[in-house]
Amino acid sequence: MQRSQWISVFTGVVAVILGFGYLILVQLLDWRGGEMLPAPVDLSFLF
């Protein structure tokens, strides 16, 4: 294989590893429990 093909394979493997890492991180944060609530909106500083 040529150098450019090795680089593309390497970057693809890195992308897959980062994707799996992100999914694992999200699952761990979700597993902690607690209700997912949006941030409170306080518009008092505008008036």
C-alpha atoms as a PDB file:
ATOM      1  CA  MET A   1       0.000   0.000   0.000  1.00  0.00           C
ATOM      2  CA  GLN A   2       1.082   3.528  -0.659  1.00  0.00           C
ATOM      3  CA  ARG A   3       1.660   6.105   2.040  1.00  0.00           C
ATOM      4  CA  SER A   4      -1.597   7.967   1.341  1.00  0.00           C
ATOM      5  CA  GLN A   5      -3.580   4.763   1.758  1.00  0.00           C
ATOM      6  CA  TRP A   6      -1.913   4.084   5.117  1.00  0.00           C
ATOM      7  CA  ILE A   7      -2.721   7.601   6.263  1.00  0.00           C
ATOM      8  CA  SER A   8      -6.365   7.220   5.271  1.00  0.00           C
ATOM      9  CA  VAL A   9      -6.621   3.862   7.053  1.00  0.00           C
ATOM     10  CA  PHE A  10      -4.988   5.338  10.164  1.00  0.00           C
ATOM     11  CA  THR A  11      -7.315   8.351  10.236  1.00  0.00           C
ATOM     12  CA  GLY A  12     -10.312   6.060   9.748  1.00  0.00           C
ATOM     13  CA  VAL A  13      -9.256   3.890  12.688  1.00  0.00           C
ATOM     14  CA  VAL A  14      -8.747   6.988  14.845  1.00  0.00           C
ATOM     15  CA  ALA A  15     -12.208   8.261  13.880  1.00  0.00           C
ATOM     16  CA  VAL A  16     -13.827   4.942  14.806  1.00  0.00           C
ATOM     17  CA  ILE A  17     -11.995   4.862  18.155  1.00  0.00           C
ATOM     18  CA  LEU A  18     -13.087   8.422  18.928  1.00  0.00           C
ATOM     19  CA  GLY A  19     -16.660   7.561  17.968  1.00  0.00           C
ATOM     20  CA  PHE A  20     -16.762   4.544  20.267  1.00  0.00           C
ATOM     21  CA  GLY A  21     -15.140   6.560  23.046  1.00  0.00           C
ATOM     22  CA  TYR A  22     -17.802   9.242  22.701  1.00  0.00           C
ATOM     23  CA  LEU A  23     -20.596   6.662  22.800  1.00  0.00           C
ATOM     24  CA  ILE A  24     -19.108   5.049  25.911  1.00  0.00           C
ATOM     25  CA  LEU A  25     -18.772   8.447  27.595  1.00  0.00           C
ATOM     26  CA  VAL A  26     -22.394   9.327  26.851  1.00  0.00           C
ATOM     27  CA  GLN A  27     -23.579   5.954  28.161  1.00  0.00           C
ATOM     28  CA  LEU A  28     -21.590   6.391  31.380  1.00  0.00           C
ATOM     29  CA  LEU A  29     -22.974   9.872  31.944  1.00  0.00           C
ATOM     30  CA  ASP A  30     -26.505   8.659  31.233  1.00  0.00           C
ATOM     31  CA  TRP A  31     -26.052   5.620  33.496  1.00  0.00           C
ATOM     32  CA  ARG A  32     -25.360   7.882  36.490  1.00  0.00           C
ATOM     33  CA  GLY A  33     -29.073   8.530  36.615  1.00  0.00           C
ATOM     34  CA  GLY A  34     -30.927  11.665  37.332  1.00  0.00           C
ATOM     35  CA  GLU A  35     -33.460  13.382  35.211  1.00  0.00           C
ATOM     36  CA  MET A  36     -32.124  15.276  32.229  1.00  0.00           C
ATOM     37  CA  LEU A  37     -33.507  18.793  32.610  1.00  0.00           C
ATOM     38  CA  PRO A  38     -32.727  21.785  30.428  1.00  0.00           C
ATOM     39  CA  ALA A  39     -30.847  24.678  31.940  1.00  0.00           C
ATOM     40  CA  PRO A  40     -33.082  27.209  33.692  1.00  0.00           C
ATOM     41  CA  VAL A  41     -33.895  30.258  31.626  1.00  0.00           C
ATOM     42  CA  ASP A  42     -33.765  33.484  33.590  1.00  0.00           C
ATOM     43  CA  LEU A  43     -34.464  36.543  31.468  1.00  0.00           C
ATOM     44  CA  SER A  44     -34.502  38.975  34.393  1.00  0.00           C
ATOM     45  CA  PHE A  45     -31.081  40.337  33.435  1.00  0.00           C
ATOM     46  CA  LEU A  46     -32.601  41.779  30.235  1.00  0.00           C
ATOM     47  CA  PHE A  47     -35.034  44.077  32.034  1.00  0.00           C
END
